[in-house]
Amino acid sequence: MLPILTKKLLILECKFTPNMNNTNYNIFQNESPTPWYSLLFMLLIFIAGLFIGQFLGLLFSIIFTDLTLNELPELVSLPFTDNKWLPIMLIQGIGALGGFVVAGIVYVMLIEKFKWYELFSFKNVKVWTLILTVVIVVSFMFANTVLIEWNMNISFPDFMKGFESWARLKEDELKLVTDFITEFDSLGRFILGFVVIAIIPAIGEELIFRGILQNKLEVYFKNAHLAIIVSSILFSGFHLQFYGFIPRLLLGILFGYLYYWSRSLWYPILAHLINNGLTLIMIYLYQTGRISLDIESEESYPANVILIFTMITLYMLYSFWRHYNLKQDTHE
């Protein structure tokens, strides 16, 4: 009788204990605070981390550059001068490190009571799917140019002209900043720019928008697809560039599904890094005269090229999904 009872208890334990091998398992779904309250805490921690990070960036700027206290109010004002480049990069880099990476880790530890390093587990990471991820992102970058061109040239009806003027002005301002921080007149500048613009956002933004926000919204909505779409809308809106909103939204959805299917943050981190990093590499090579292709051009590729890369992206995404779907089936 005892062996039979023990066997039944084991069956019940297997039935109600989450299978961490299941790639559809949400790490925050058990004993987790109410999503909206926890997201409010996350926002407060993010603001605090961003403020502290930017303050430290200002402090380092004063220590390691010739920036003076009197020049601080004019640091981000036009015109941009060469001596502003390093201070701006330090403030942006350390600010993002505090607001995203450190704040995300603090949130997970204090609010979710979760071992933050488990979010960065390599358990579900495979060389084959890493290669797939690289191909997916590169092919998507080519396919997405048609939406980039369309979004940049979108026009609004007369009753929204006020919003259009504001959005266009904001876009022009951000473009000036982007053009300035991607002026790489030396290898040292490029390396620092790569860390600040590619590596830190890839880790920090994916930790916040995929690792935390997407998981929390999935708990609230009880629908992973809706959680991916909403977190991607917030991800795109966060960048405050309406004339790049749709392409970045789709990029966020791409990152979201890579994470949802694999339940490994390393895939969206790698995808984000490839998207930003490859762009920076191409800009640097173009500026130094090594290539003639201007990746910052807003013109899309011919329709047949767009179609080819779209098909490649879809097929590689299917292969990625199939890999983890079959893997999940074998554990059930």
C-alpha atoms as a PDB file:
ATOM      1  CA  MET A   1       0.000   0.000   0.000  1.00  0.00           C
ATOM      2  CA  LEU A   2       2.800   2.452   0.927  1.00  0.00           C
ATOM      3  CA  PRO A   3       4.652   2.068  -2.412  1.00  0.00           C
ATOM      4  CA  ILE A   4       1.406   2.711  -4.288  1.00  0.00           C
ATOM      5  CA  LEU A   5       0.687   5.838  -2.208  1.00  0.00           C
ATOM      6  CA  THR A   6       4.253   7.061  -2.693  1.00  0.00           C
ATOM      7  CA  LYS A   7       3.967   6.557  -6.445  1.00  0.00           C
ATOM      8  CA  LYS A   8       0.712   8.561  -6.553  1.00  0.00           C
ATOM      9  CA  LEU A   9       2.299  11.395  -4.574  1.00  0.00           C
ATOM     10  CA  LEU A  10       5.212  11.469  -7.003  1.00  0.00           C
ATOM     11  CA  ILE A  11       2.803  11.653  -9.936  1.00  0.00           C
ATOM     12  CA  LEU A  12       0.962  14.559  -8.307  1.00  0.00           C
ATOM     13  CA  GLU A  13       4.260  16.311  -7.560  1.00  0.00           C
ATOM     14  CA  CYS A  14       5.356  15.996 -11.198  1.00  0.00           C
ATOM     15  CA  LYS A  15       1.971  17.258 -12.349  1.00  0.00           C
ATOM     16  CA  PHE A  16       1.940  20.420 -10.211  1.00  0.00           C
ATOM     17  CA  THR A  17       5.661  21.230 -10.076  1.00  0.00           C
ATOM     18  CA  PRO A  18       6.785  23.524 -12.931  1.00  0.00           C
ATOM     19  CA  ASN A  19       9.076  21.836 -15.401  1.00  0.00           C
ATOM     20  CA  MET A  20      12.001  24.209 -15.854  1.00  0.00           C
ATOM     21  CA  ASN A  21      12.897  22.339 -19.013  1.00  0.00           C
ATOM     22  CA  ASN A  22       9.637  23.543 -20.516  1.00  0.00           C
ATOM     23  CA  THR A  23      10.630  26.529 -22.613  1.00  0.00           C
ATOM     24  CA  ASN A  24       7.144  28.043 -22.236  1.00  0.00           C
ATOM     25  CA  TYR A  25       7.525  28.294 -18.447  1.00  0.00           C
ATOM     26  CA  ASN A  26       7.283  31.873 -17.135  1.00  0.00           C
ATOM     27  CA  ILE A  27       9.823  32.396 -14.355  1.00  0.00           C
ATOM     28  CA  PHE A  28       7.658  35.001 -12.585  1.00  0.00           C
ATOM     29  CA  GLN A  29       4.336  33.179 -12.582  1.00  0.00           C
ATOM     30  CA  ASN A  30       4.588  31.655  -9.108  1.00  0.00           C
ATOM     31  CA  GLU A  31       4.639  33.671  -5.843  1.00  0.00           C
ATOM     32  CA  SER A  32       5.070  36.866  -7.851  1.00  0.00           C
ATOM     33  CA  PRO A  33       3.698  40.302  -6.887  1.00  0.00           C
ATOM     34  CA  THR A  34       0.681  41.718  -8.714  1.00  0.00           C
ATOM     35  CA  PRO A  35       1.988  42.739 -12.156  1.00  0.00           C
ATOM     36  CA  TRP A  36       0.893  46.402 -12.105  1.00  0.00           C
ATOM     37  CA  TYR A  37       2.226  47.039  -8.589  1.00  0.00           C
ATOM     38  CA  SER A  38       5.511  45.357  -9.398  1.00  0.00           C
ATOM     39  CA  LEU A  39       5.794  47.299 -12.663  1.00  0.00           C
ATOM     40  CA  LEU A  40       5.305  50.530 -10.704  1.00  0.00           C
ATOM     41  CA  PHE A  41       8.162  49.502  -8.432  1.00  0.00           C
ATOM     42  CA  MET A  42      10.226  48.670 -11.510  1.00  0.00           C
ATOM     43  CA  LEU A  43       9.570  52.151 -12.927  1.00  0.00           C
ATOM     44  CA  LEU A  44      10.647  53.792  -9.660  1.00  0.00           C
ATOM     45  CA  ILE A  45      13.799  51.668  -9.479  1.00  0.00           C
ATOM     46  CA  PHE A  46      14.523  52.442 -13.136  1.00  0.00           C
ATOM     47  CA  ILE A  47      14.207  56.211 -12.562  1.00  0.00           C
ATOM     48  CA  ALA A  48      16.424  55.999  -9.483  1.00  0.00           C
ATOM     49  CA  GLY A  49      19.019  53.901 -11.317  1.00  0.00           C
ATOM     50  CA  LEU A  50      18.966  56.235 -14.316  1.00  0.00           C
ATOM     51  CA  PHE A  51      19.362  59.316 -12.111  1.00  0.00           C
ATOM     52  CA  ILE A  52      22.226  57.816 -10.109  1.00  0.00           C
ATOM     53  CA  GLY A  53      23.885  56.509 -13.279  1.00  0.00           C
ATOM     54  CA  GLN A  54      23.713  59.863 -15.038  1.00  0.00           C
ATOM     55  CA  PHE A  55      25.000  61.630 -11.939  1.00  0.00           C
ATOM     56  CA  LEU A  56      27.972  59.262 -11.851  1.00  0.00           C
ATOM     57  CA  GLY A  57      28.442  59.851 -15.581  1.00  0.00           C
ATOM     58  CA  LEU A  58      28.608  63.599 -14.957  1.00  0.00           C
ATOM     59  CA  LEU A  59      31.064  63.015 -12.125  1.00  0.00           C
ATOM     60  CA  PHE A  60      33.323  60.857 -14.301  1.00  0.00           C
ATOM     61  CA  SER A  61      33.057  63.439 -17.085  1.00  0.00           C
ATOM     62  CA  ILE A  62      34.357  66.158 -14.792  1.00  0.00           C
ATOM     63  CA  ILE A  63      37.156  63.912 -13.488  1.00  0.00           C
ATOM     64  CA  PHE A  64      38.360  62.376 -16.750  1.00  0.00           C
ATOM     65  CA  THR A  65      37.703  65.173 -19.261  1.00  0.00           C
ATOM     66  CA  ASP A  66      38.271  68.911 -19.396  1.00  0.00           C
ATOM     67  CA  LEU A  67      34.559  69.528 -18.780  1.00  0.00           C
ATOM     68  CA  THR A  68      33.849  72.176 -16.116  1.00  0.00           C
ATOM     69  CA  LEU A  69      30.800  72.733 -13.929  1.00  0.00           C
ATOM     70  CA  ASN A  70      29.974  75.913 -15.841  1.00  0.00           C
ATOM     71  CA  GLU A  71      29.720  73.921 -19.078  1.00  0.00           C
ATOM     72  CA  LEU A  72      27.234  71.340 -17.742  1.00  0.00           C
ATOM     73  CA  PRO A  73      24.039  73.273 -18.676  1.00  0.00           C
ATOM     74  CA  GLU A  74      25.241  73.539 -22.285  1.00  0.00           C
ATOM     75  CA  LEU A  75      26.403  69.942 -22.569  1.00  0.00           C
ATOM     76  CA  VAL A  76      23.484  68.641 -24.636  1.00  0.00           C
ATOM     77  CA  SER A  77      22.643  71.924 -26.370  1.00  0.00           C
ATOM     78  CA  LEU A  78      23.488  72.802 -29.945  1.00  0.00           C
ATOM     79  CA  PRO A  79      25.932  73.160 -31.485  1.00  0.00           C
ATOM     80  CA  PHE A  80      27.728  69.953 -30.547  1.00  0.00           C
ATOM     81  CA  THR A  81      31.485  70.386 -30.271  1.00  0.00           C
ATOM     82  CA  ASP A  82      34.148  67.706 -30.247  1.00  0.00           C
ATOM     83  CA  ASN A  83      34.935  68.158 -26.553  1.00  0.00           C
ATOM     84  CA  LYS A  84      31.331  67.170 -25.700  1.00  0.00           C
ATOM     85  CA  TRP A  85      31.589  63.694 -27.250  1.00  0.00           C
ATOM     86  CA  LEU A  86      33.253  61.845 -24.373  1.00  0.00           C
ATOM     87  CA  PRO A  87      31.137  63.442 -21.603  1.00  0.00           C
ATOM     88  CA  ILE A  88      27.914  62.653 -23.487  1.00  0.00           C
ATOM     89  CA  MET A  89      29.005  59.036 -24.012  1.00  0.00           C
ATOM     90  CA  LEU A  90      29.959  58.634 -20.352  1.00  0.00           C
ATOM     91  CA  ILE A  91      26.632  60.058 -19.190  1.00  0.00           C
ATOM     92  CA  GLN A  92      24.653  57.929 -21.650  1.00  0.00           C
ATOM     93  CA  GLY A  93      26.633  54.748 -20.983  1.00  0.00           C
ATOM     94  CA  ILE A  94      26.747  54.904 -17.195  1.00  0.00           C
ATOM     95  CA  GLY A  95      23.162  56.178 -17.085  1.00  0.00           C
ATOM     96  CA  ALA A  96      21.942  53.216 -19.158  1.00  0.00           C
ATOM     97  CA  LEU A  97      24.027  50.832 -17.048  1.00  0.00           C
ATOM     98  CA  GLY A  98      22.357  52.128 -13.890  1.00  0.00           C
ATOM     99  CA  GLY A  99      18.853  52.562 -15.296  1.00  0.00           C
ATOM    100  CA  PHE A 100      18.633  49.235 -17.105  1.00  0.00           C
ATOM    101  CA  VAL A 101      21.204  46.672 -15.977  1.00  0.00           C
ATOM    102  CA  VAL A 102      21.622  47.565 -12.300  1.00  0.00           C
ATOM    103  CA  ALA A 103      17.982  48.619 -11.851  1.00  0.00           C
ATOM    104  CA  GLY A 104      16.775  45.414 -13.509  1.00  0.00           C
ATOM    105  CA  ILE A 105      18.927  43.244 -11.247  1.00  0.00           C
ATOM    106  CA  VAL A 106      17.852  45.186  -8.126  1.00  0.00           C
ATOM    107  CA  TYR A 107      14.184  44.847  -9.118  1.00  0.00           C
ATOM    108  CA  VAL A 108      14.442  41.099  -9.634  1.00  0.00           C
ATOM    109  CA  MET A 109      16.207  40.631  -6.306  1.00  0.00           C
ATOM    110  CA  LEU A 110      14.043  42.946  -4.156  1.00  0.00           C
ATOM    111  CA  ILE A 111      10.585  42.683  -5.716  1.00  0.00           C
ATOM    112  CA  GLU A 112      10.490  39.286  -7.400  1.00  0.00           C
ATOM    113  CA  LYS A 113      12.740  37.608  -4.806  1.00  0.00           C
ATOM    114  CA  PHE A 114      14.374  35.812  -7.694  1.00  0.00           C
ATOM    115  CA  LYS A 115      17.988  34.853  -8.302  1.00  0.00           C
ATOM    116  CA  TRP A 116      18.756  37.389 -11.013  1.00  0.00           C
ATOM    117  CA  TYR A 117      21.560  35.350 -12.562  1.00  0.00           C
ATOM    118  CA  GLU A 118      19.065  32.616 -13.461  1.00  0.00           C
ATOM    119  CA  LEU A 119      17.630  35.052 -16.010  1.00  0.00           C
ATOM    120  CA  PHE A 120      20.977  34.800 -17.787  1.00  0.00           C
ATOM    121  CA  SER A 121      21.180  31.014 -17.675  1.00  0.00           C
ATOM    122  CA  PHE A 122      22.805  29.284 -20.649  1.00  0.00           C
ATOM    123  CA  LYS A 123      20.653  26.178 -20.128  1.00  0.00           C
ATOM    124  CA  ASN A 124      18.580  26.532 -23.307  1.00  0.00           C
ATOM    125  CA  VAL A 125      21.349  28.034 -25.434  1.00  0.00           C
ATOM    126  CA  LYS A 126      22.642  26.022 -28.395  1.00  0.00           C
ATOM    127  CA  VAL A 127      25.269  26.922 -30.978  1.00  0.00           C
ATOM    128  CA  TRP A 128      22.897  26.070 -33.826  1.00  0.00           C
ATOM    129  CA  THR A 129      20.156  28.415 -32.625  1.00  0.00           C
ATOM    130  CA  LEU A 130      22.690  31.170 -31.941  1.00  0.00           C
ATOM    131  CA  ILE A 131      23.727  30.941 -35.594  1.00  0.00           C
ATOM    132  CA  LEU A 132      20.055  30.970 -36.586  1.00  0.00           C
ATOM    133  CA  THR A 133      19.558  34.124 -34.530  1.00  0.00           C
ATOM    134  CA  VAL A 134      22.388  35.930 -36.318  1.00  0.00           C
ATOM    135  CA  VAL A 135      20.969  35.009 -39.733  1.00  0.00           C
ATOM    136  CA  ILE A 136      17.441  35.995 -38.660  1.00  0.00           C
ATOM    137  CA  VAL A 137      18.514  39.458 -37.501  1.00  0.00           C
ATOM    138  CA  VAL A 138      20.736  40.212 -40.497  1.00  0.00           C
ATOM    139  CA  SER A 139      18.071  39.146 -42.995  1.00  0.00           C
ATOM    140  CA  PHE A 140      15.406  41.042 -41.045  1.00  0.00           C
ATOM    141  CA  MET A 141      17.528  44.212 -41.188  1.00  0.00           C
ATOM    142  CA  PHE A 142      17.422  44.053 -44.993  1.00  0.00           C
ATOM    143  CA  ALA A 143      13.705  43.206 -45.117  1.00  0.00           C
ATOM    144  CA  ASN A 144      12.850  45.942 -42.632  1.00  0.00           C
ATOM    145  CA  THR A 145      14.246  48.728 -44.825  1.00  0.00           C
ATOM    146  CA  VAL A 146      10.959  48.966 -46.716  1.00  0.00           C
ATOM    147  CA  LEU A 147       9.127  49.785 -43.473  1.00  0.00           C
ATOM    148  CA  ILE A 148      11.878  52.184 -42.420  1.00  0.00           C
ATOM    149  CA  GLU A 149      11.438  54.130 -45.655  1.00  0.00           C
ATOM    150  CA  TRP A 150       7.626  54.066 -45.367  1.00  0.00           C
ATOM    151  CA  ASN A 151       7.643  55.162 -41.703  1.00  0.00           C
ATOM    152  CA  MET A 152      10.103  57.999 -42.359  1.00  0.00           C
ATOM    153  CA  ASN A 153       7.870  59.443 -45.109  1.00  0.00           C
ATOM    154  CA  ILE A 154       4.494  58.986 -43.465  1.00  0.00           C
ATOM    155  CA  SER A 155       2.190  62.025 -43.473  1.00  0.00           C
ATOM    156  CA  PHE A 156      -0.791  62.887 -41.279  1.00  0.00           C
ATOM    157  CA  PRO A 157      -4.213  64.432 -41.953  1.00  0.00           C
ATOM    158  CA  ASP A 158      -4.668  68.151 -41.285  1.00  0.00           C
ATOM    159  CA  PHE A 159      -6.140  67.725 -37.789  1.00  0.00           C
ATOM    160  CA  MET A 160      -2.897  65.967 -36.701  1.00  0.00           C
ATOM    161  CA  LYS A 161      -0.463  68.465 -38.194  1.00  0.00           C
ATOM    162  CA  GLY A 162       0.451  69.715 -34.728  1.00  0.00           C
ATOM    163  CA  PHE A 163       1.538  66.238 -33.689  1.00  0.00           C
ATOM    164  CA  GLU A 164       3.346  65.761 -36.996  1.00  0.00           C
ATOM    165  CA  SER A 165       5.326  68.978 -36.497  1.00  0.00           C
ATOM    166  CA  TRP A 166       6.276  67.935 -32.946  1.00  0.00           C
ATOM    167  CA  ALA A 167       7.251  64.401 -34.018  1.00  0.00           C
ATOM    168  CA  ARG A 168       9.320  65.677 -36.942  1.00  0.00           C
ATOM    169  CA  LEU A 169      11.110  68.203 -34.728  1.00  0.00           C
ATOM    170  CA  LYS A 170      11.873  65.509 -32.140  1.00  0.00           C
ATOM    171  CA  GLU A 171      13.107  63.207 -34.893  1.00  0.00           C
ATOM    172  CA  ASP A 172      15.437  65.886 -36.261  1.00  0.00           C
ATOM    173  CA  GLU A 173      16.810  66.617 -32.787  1.00  0.00           C
ATOM    174  CA  LEU A 174      17.487  62.954 -32.062  1.00  0.00           C
ATOM    175  CA  LYS A 175      19.098  62.511 -35.472  1.00  0.00           C
ATOM    176  CA  LEU A 176      21.551  65.302 -34.668  1.00  0.00           C
ATOM    177  CA  VAL A 177      22.446  63.547 -31.411  1.00  0.00           C
ATOM    178  CA  THR A 178      22.758  60.166 -33.153  1.00  0.00           C
ATOM    179  CA  ASP A 179      24.929  61.587 -35.916  1.00  0.00           C
ATOM    180  CA  PHE A 180      27.167  63.229 -33.321  1.00  0.00           C
ATOM    181  CA  ILE A 181      27.701  60.186 -31.076  1.00  0.00           C
ATOM    182  CA  THR A 182      28.391  57.966 -34.110  1.00  0.00           C
ATOM    183  CA  GLU A 183      31.221  60.151 -35.394  1.00  0.00           C
ATOM    184  CA  PHE A 184      34.108  57.723 -35.044  1.00  0.00           C
ATOM    185  CA  ASP A 185      37.336  59.478 -35.942  1.00  0.00           C
ATOM    186  CA  SER A 186      39.451  56.867 -34.147  1.00  0.00           C
ATOM    187  CA  LEU A 187      39.351  53.200 -33.191  1.00  0.00           C
ATOM    188  CA  GLY A 188      39.142  54.156 -29.512  1.00  0.00           C
ATOM    189  CA  ARG A 189      35.999  56.183 -30.138  1.00  0.00           C
ATOM    190  CA  PHE A 190      34.465  53.297 -32.056  1.00  0.00           C
ATOM    191  CA  ILE A 191      35.185  50.805 -29.252  1.00  0.00           C
ATOM    192  CA  LEU A 192      33.656  53.081 -26.601  1.00  0.00           C
ATOM    193  CA  GLY A 193      30.701  53.782 -28.894  1.00  0.00           C
ATOM    194  CA  PHE A 194      30.206  50.051 -29.439  1.00  0.00           C
ATOM    195  CA  VAL A 195      30.068  49.440 -25.684  1.00  0.00           C
ATOM    196  CA  VAL A 196      27.677  52.335 -25.015  1.00  0.00           C
ATOM    197  CA  ILE A 197      25.394  52.007 -28.050  1.00  0.00           C
ATOM    198  CA  ALA A 198      25.457  48.245 -28.677  1.00  0.00           C
ATOM    199  CA  ILE A 199      26.526  46.163 -25.669  1.00  0.00           C
ATOM    200  CA  ILE A 200      24.909  48.009 -22.739  1.00  0.00           C
ATOM    201  CA  PRO A 201      21.498  48.502 -24.463  1.00  0.00           C
ATOM    202  CA  ALA A 202      21.479  44.887 -25.673  1.00  0.00           C
ATOM    203  CA  ILE A 203      21.860  43.574 -22.131  1.00  0.00           C
ATOM    204  CA  GLY A 204      19.936  46.265 -20.248  1.00  0.00           C
ATOM    205  CA  GLU A 205      16.958  46.795 -22.546  1.00  0.00           C
ATOM    206  CA  GLU A 206      16.411  43.079 -23.052  1.00  0.00           C
ATOM    207  CA  LEU A 207      16.580  42.494 -19.299  1.00  0.00           C
ATOM    208  CA  ILE A 208      13.904  45.160 -18.738  1.00  0.00           C
ATOM    209  CA  PHE A 209      11.613  44.755 -21.754  1.00  0.00           C
ATOM    210  CA  ARG A 210      11.831  41.001 -22.318  1.00  0.00           C
ATOM    211  CA  GLY A 211      13.125  39.466 -19.096  1.00  0.00           C
ATOM    212  CA  ILE A 212      10.912  41.510 -16.765  1.00  0.00           C
ATOM    213  CA  LEU A 213       8.196  43.454 -18.587  1.00  0.00           C
ATOM    214  CA  GLN A 214       7.193  40.750 -21.067  1.00  0.00           C
ATOM    215  CA  ASN A 215       7.082  38.119 -18.328  1.00  0.00           C
ATOM    216  CA  LYS A 216       5.000  40.319 -16.029  1.00  0.00           C
ATOM    217  CA  LEU A 217       2.527  41.237 -18.780  1.00  0.00           C
ATOM    218  CA  GLU A 218       2.220  37.573 -19.690  1.00  0.00           C
ATOM    219  CA  VAL A 219       1.176  36.854 -16.096  1.00  0.00           C
ATOM    220  CA  TYR A 220      -1.379  39.688 -16.176  1.00  0.00           C
ATOM    221  CA  PHE A 221      -2.840  39.077 -19.642  1.00  0.00           C
ATOM    222  CA  LYS A 222      -2.461  35.298 -19.478  1.00  0.00           C
ATOM    223  CA  ASN A 223      -1.579  35.587 -23.146  1.00  0.00           C
ATOM    224  CA  ALA A 224       2.055  35.497 -24.253  1.00  0.00           C
ATOM    225  CA  HIS A 225       1.355  36.977 -27.698  1.00  0.00           C
ATOM    226  CA  LEU A 226      -0.448  40.019 -26.269  1.00  0.00           C
ATOM    227  CA  ALA A 227       2.381  40.457 -23.753  1.00  0.00           C
ATOM    228  CA  ILE A 228       4.931  40.441 -26.581  1.00  0.00           C
ATOM    229  CA  ILE A 229       2.992  43.054 -28.575  1.00  0.00           C
ATOM    230  CA  VAL A 230       2.404  45.402 -25.609  1.00  0.00           C
ATOM    231  CA  SER A 231       5.992  45.168 -24.341  1.00  0.00           C
ATOM    232  CA  SER A 232       7.195  45.826 -27.912  1.00  0.00           C
ATOM    233  CA  ILE A 233       4.979  48.911 -28.181  1.00  0.00           C
ATOM    234  CA  LEU A 234       6.487  50.206 -24.936  1.00  0.00           C
ATOM    235  CA  PHE A 235       9.965  49.276 -26.162  1.00  0.00           C
ATOM    236  CA  SER A 236       9.499  51.236 -29.379  1.00  0.00           C
ATOM    237  CA  GLY A 237       7.776  54.164 -27.679  1.00  0.00           C
ATOM    238  CA  PHE A 238      10.563  54.438 -25.117  1.00  0.00           C
ATOM    239  CA  HIS A 239      12.974  55.552 -27.863  1.00  0.00           C
ATOM    240  CA  LEU A 240      10.778  58.608 -28.640  1.00  0.00           C
ATOM    241  CA  GLN A 241      11.265  58.295 -32.386  1.00  0.00           C
ATOM    242  CA  PHE A 242       7.868  58.147 -34.065  1.00  0.00           C
ATOM    243  CA  TYR A 243       9.392  58.057 -37.538  1.00  0.00           C
ATOM    244  CA  GLY A 244      11.086  54.814 -36.589  1.00  0.00           C
ATOM    245  CA  PHE A 245       8.247  53.490 -34.429  1.00  0.00           C
ATOM    246  CA  ILE A 246       6.896  50.731 -36.705  1.00  0.00           C
ATOM    247  CA  PRO A 247      10.260  49.174 -37.701  1.00  0.00           C
ATOM    248  CA  ARG A 248      11.395  49.210 -34.062  1.00  0.00           C
ATOM    249  CA  LEU A 249       8.037  47.743 -32.988  1.00  0.00           C
ATOM    250  CA  LEU A 250       8.553  44.800 -35.323  1.00  0.00           C
ATOM    251  CA  LEU A 251      12.113  44.455 -34.074  1.00  0.00           C
ATOM    252  CA  GLY A 252      10.773  44.290 -30.510  1.00  0.00           C
ATOM    253  CA  ILE A 253       8.233  41.636 -31.529  1.00  0.00           C
ATOM    254  CA  LEU A 254      11.058  39.645 -33.123  1.00  0.00           C
ATOM    255  CA  PHE A 255      13.099  39.847 -29.907  1.00  0.00           C
ATOM    256  CA  GLY A 256       9.999  38.949 -27.894  1.00  0.00           C
ATOM    257  CA  TYR A 257       9.328  35.739 -29.783  1.00  0.00           C
ATOM    258  CA  LEU A 258      12.963  34.684 -29.677  1.00  0.00           C
ATOM    259  CA  TYR A 259      12.723  34.967 -25.904  1.00  0.00           C
ATOM    260  CA  TYR A 260       9.279  33.371 -25.597  1.00  0.00           C
ATOM    261  CA  TRP A 261      10.194  30.333 -27.660  1.00  0.00           C
ATOM    262  CA  SER A 262      13.570  29.741 -26.033  1.00  0.00           C
ATOM    263  CA  ARG A 263      13.046  31.256 -22.561  1.00  0.00           C
ATOM    264  CA  SER A 264      16.653  32.379 -22.752  1.00  0.00           C
ATOM    265  CA  LEU A 265      17.527  36.074 -22.640  1.00  0.00           C
ATOM    266  CA  TRP A 266      20.727  35.401 -24.553  1.00  0.00           C
ATOM    267  CA  TYR A 267      18.850  35.161 -27.863  1.00  0.00           C
ATOM    268  CA  PRO A 268      17.189  38.614 -27.738  1.00  0.00           C
ATOM    269  CA  ILE A 269      20.431  40.003 -26.269  1.00  0.00           C
ATOM    270  CA  LEU A 270      22.395  38.578 -29.192  1.00  0.00           C
ATOM    271  CA  ALA A 271      19.758  39.778 -31.681  1.00  0.00           C
ATOM    272  CA  HIS A 272      19.799  43.283 -30.181  1.00  0.00           C
ATOM    273  CA  LEU A 273      23.592  43.313 -30.188  1.00  0.00           C
ATOM    274  CA  ILE A 274      23.770  42.226 -33.836  1.00  0.00           C
ATOM    275  CA  ASN A 275      21.204  44.846 -34.880  1.00  0.00           C
ATOM    276  CA  ASN A 276      22.983  47.735 -33.127  1.00  0.00           C
ATOM    277  CA  GLY A 277      26.528  46.455 -33.420  1.00  0.00           C
ATOM    278  CA  LEU A 278      26.438  45.611 -37.118  1.00  0.00           C
ATOM    279  CA  THR A 279      25.020  49.061 -37.841  1.00  0.00           C
ATOM    280  CA  LEU A 280      27.872  50.692 -35.911  1.00  0.00           C
ATOM    281  CA  ILE A 281      30.474  48.556 -37.672  1.00  0.00           C
ATOM    282  CA  MET A 282      29.053  49.512 -41.072  1.00  0.00           C
ATOM    283  CA  ILE A 283      29.011  53.208 -40.075  1.00  0.00           C
ATOM    284  CA  TYR A 284      32.643  53.019 -38.924  1.00  0.00           C
ATOM    285  CA  LEU A 285      33.778  51.241 -42.097  1.00  0.00           C
ATOM    286  CA  TYR A 286      31.893  53.791 -44.231  1.00  0.00           C
ATOM    287  CA  GLN A 287      33.369  56.741 -42.357  1.00  0.00           C
ATOM    288  CA  THR A 288      36.895  55.364 -42.709  1.00  0.00           C
ATOM    289  CA  GLY A 289      36.416  54.749 -46.443  1.00  0.00           C
ATOM    290  CA  ARG A 290      36.666  50.965 -46.262  1.00  0.00           C
ATOM    291  CA  ILE A 291      33.217  50.421 -47.788  1.00  0.00           C
ATOM    292  CA  SER A 292      30.975  52.523 -50.035  1.00  0.00           C
ATOM    293  CA  LEU A 293      27.634  51.289 -48.648  1.00  0.00           C
ATOM    294  CA  ASP A 294      25.914  53.905 -46.459  1.00  0.00           C
ATOM    295  CA  ILE A 295      23.809  51.870 -44.039  1.00  0.00           C
ATOM    296  CA  GLU A 296      22.208  55.069 -42.699  1.00  0.00           C
ATOM    297  CA  SER A 297      20.491  55.658 -46.024  1.00  0.00           C
ATOM    298  CA  GLU A 298      16.703  55.766 -45.639  1.00  0.00           C
ATOM    299  CA  GLU A 299      16.047  54.183 -49.033  1.00  0.00           C
ATOM    300  CA  SER A 300      14.815  50.610 -49.130  1.00  0.00           C
ATOM    301  CA  TYR A 301      16.240  47.871 -51.306  1.00  0.00           C
ATOM    302  CA  PRO A 302      14.534  46.677 -54.533  1.00  0.00           C
ATOM    303  CA  ALA A 303      11.348  44.654 -54.111  1.00  0.00           C
ATOM    304  CA  ASN A 304      12.957  41.361 -55.166  1.00  0.00           C
ATOM    305  CA  VAL A 305      15.715  41.788 -52.558  1.00  0.00           C
ATOM    306  CA  ILE A 306      13.132  42.613 -49.857  1.00  0.00           C
ATOM    307  CA  LEU A 307      11.126  39.511 -50.821  1.00  0.00           C
ATOM    308  CA  ILE A 308      14.178  37.226 -50.685  1.00  0.00           C
ATOM    309  CA  PHE A 309      15.280  38.438 -47.258  1.00  0.00           C
ATOM    310  CA  THR A 310      11.710  38.318 -45.954  1.00  0.00           C
ATOM    311  CA  MET A 311      11.453  34.653 -46.972  1.00  0.00           C
ATOM    312  CA  ILE A 312      14.836  33.914 -45.380  1.00  0.00           C
ATOM    313  CA  THR A 313      13.728  35.595 -42.153  1.00  0.00           C
ATOM    314  CA  LEU A 314      10.446  33.673 -42.017  1.00  0.00           C
ATOM    315  CA  TYR A 315      12.094  30.328 -42.754  1.00  0.00           C
ATOM    316  CA  MET A 316      14.814  30.856 -40.145  1.00  0.00           C
ATOM    317  CA  LEU A 317      12.194  31.905 -37.594  1.00  0.00           C
ATOM    318  CA  TYR A 318      10.259  28.730 -38.347  1.00  0.00           C
ATOM    319  CA  SER A 319      13.430  26.683 -37.862  1.00  0.00           C
ATOM    320  CA  PHE A 320      14.072  28.439 -34.540  1.00  0.00           C
ATOM    321  CA  TRP A 321      10.493  27.848 -33.361  1.00  0.00           C
ATOM    322  CA  ARG A 322      10.557  24.235 -34.533  1.00  0.00           C
ATOM    323  CA  HIS A 323      13.766  23.538 -32.629  1.00  0.00           C
ATOM    324  CA  TYR A 324      12.306  24.643 -29.296  1.00  0.00           C
ATOM    325  CA  ASN A 325       8.816  23.335 -29.999  1.00  0.00           C
ATOM    326  CA  LEU A 326      10.162  19.840 -30.662  1.00  0.00           C
ATOM    327  CA  LYS A 327      12.440  20.160 -27.626  1.00  0.00           C
ATOM    328  CA  GLN A 328       9.413  20.974 -25.450  1.00  0.00           C
ATOM    329  CA  ASP A 329       7.437  18.045 -26.855  1.00  0.00           C
ATOM    330  CA  THR A 330      10.196  15.624 -25.865  1.00  0.00           C
ATOM    331  CA  HIS A 331       9.934  16.767 -22.221  1.00  0.00           C
ATOM    332  CA  GLU A 332       6.177  16.361 -21.964  1.00  0.00           C
END
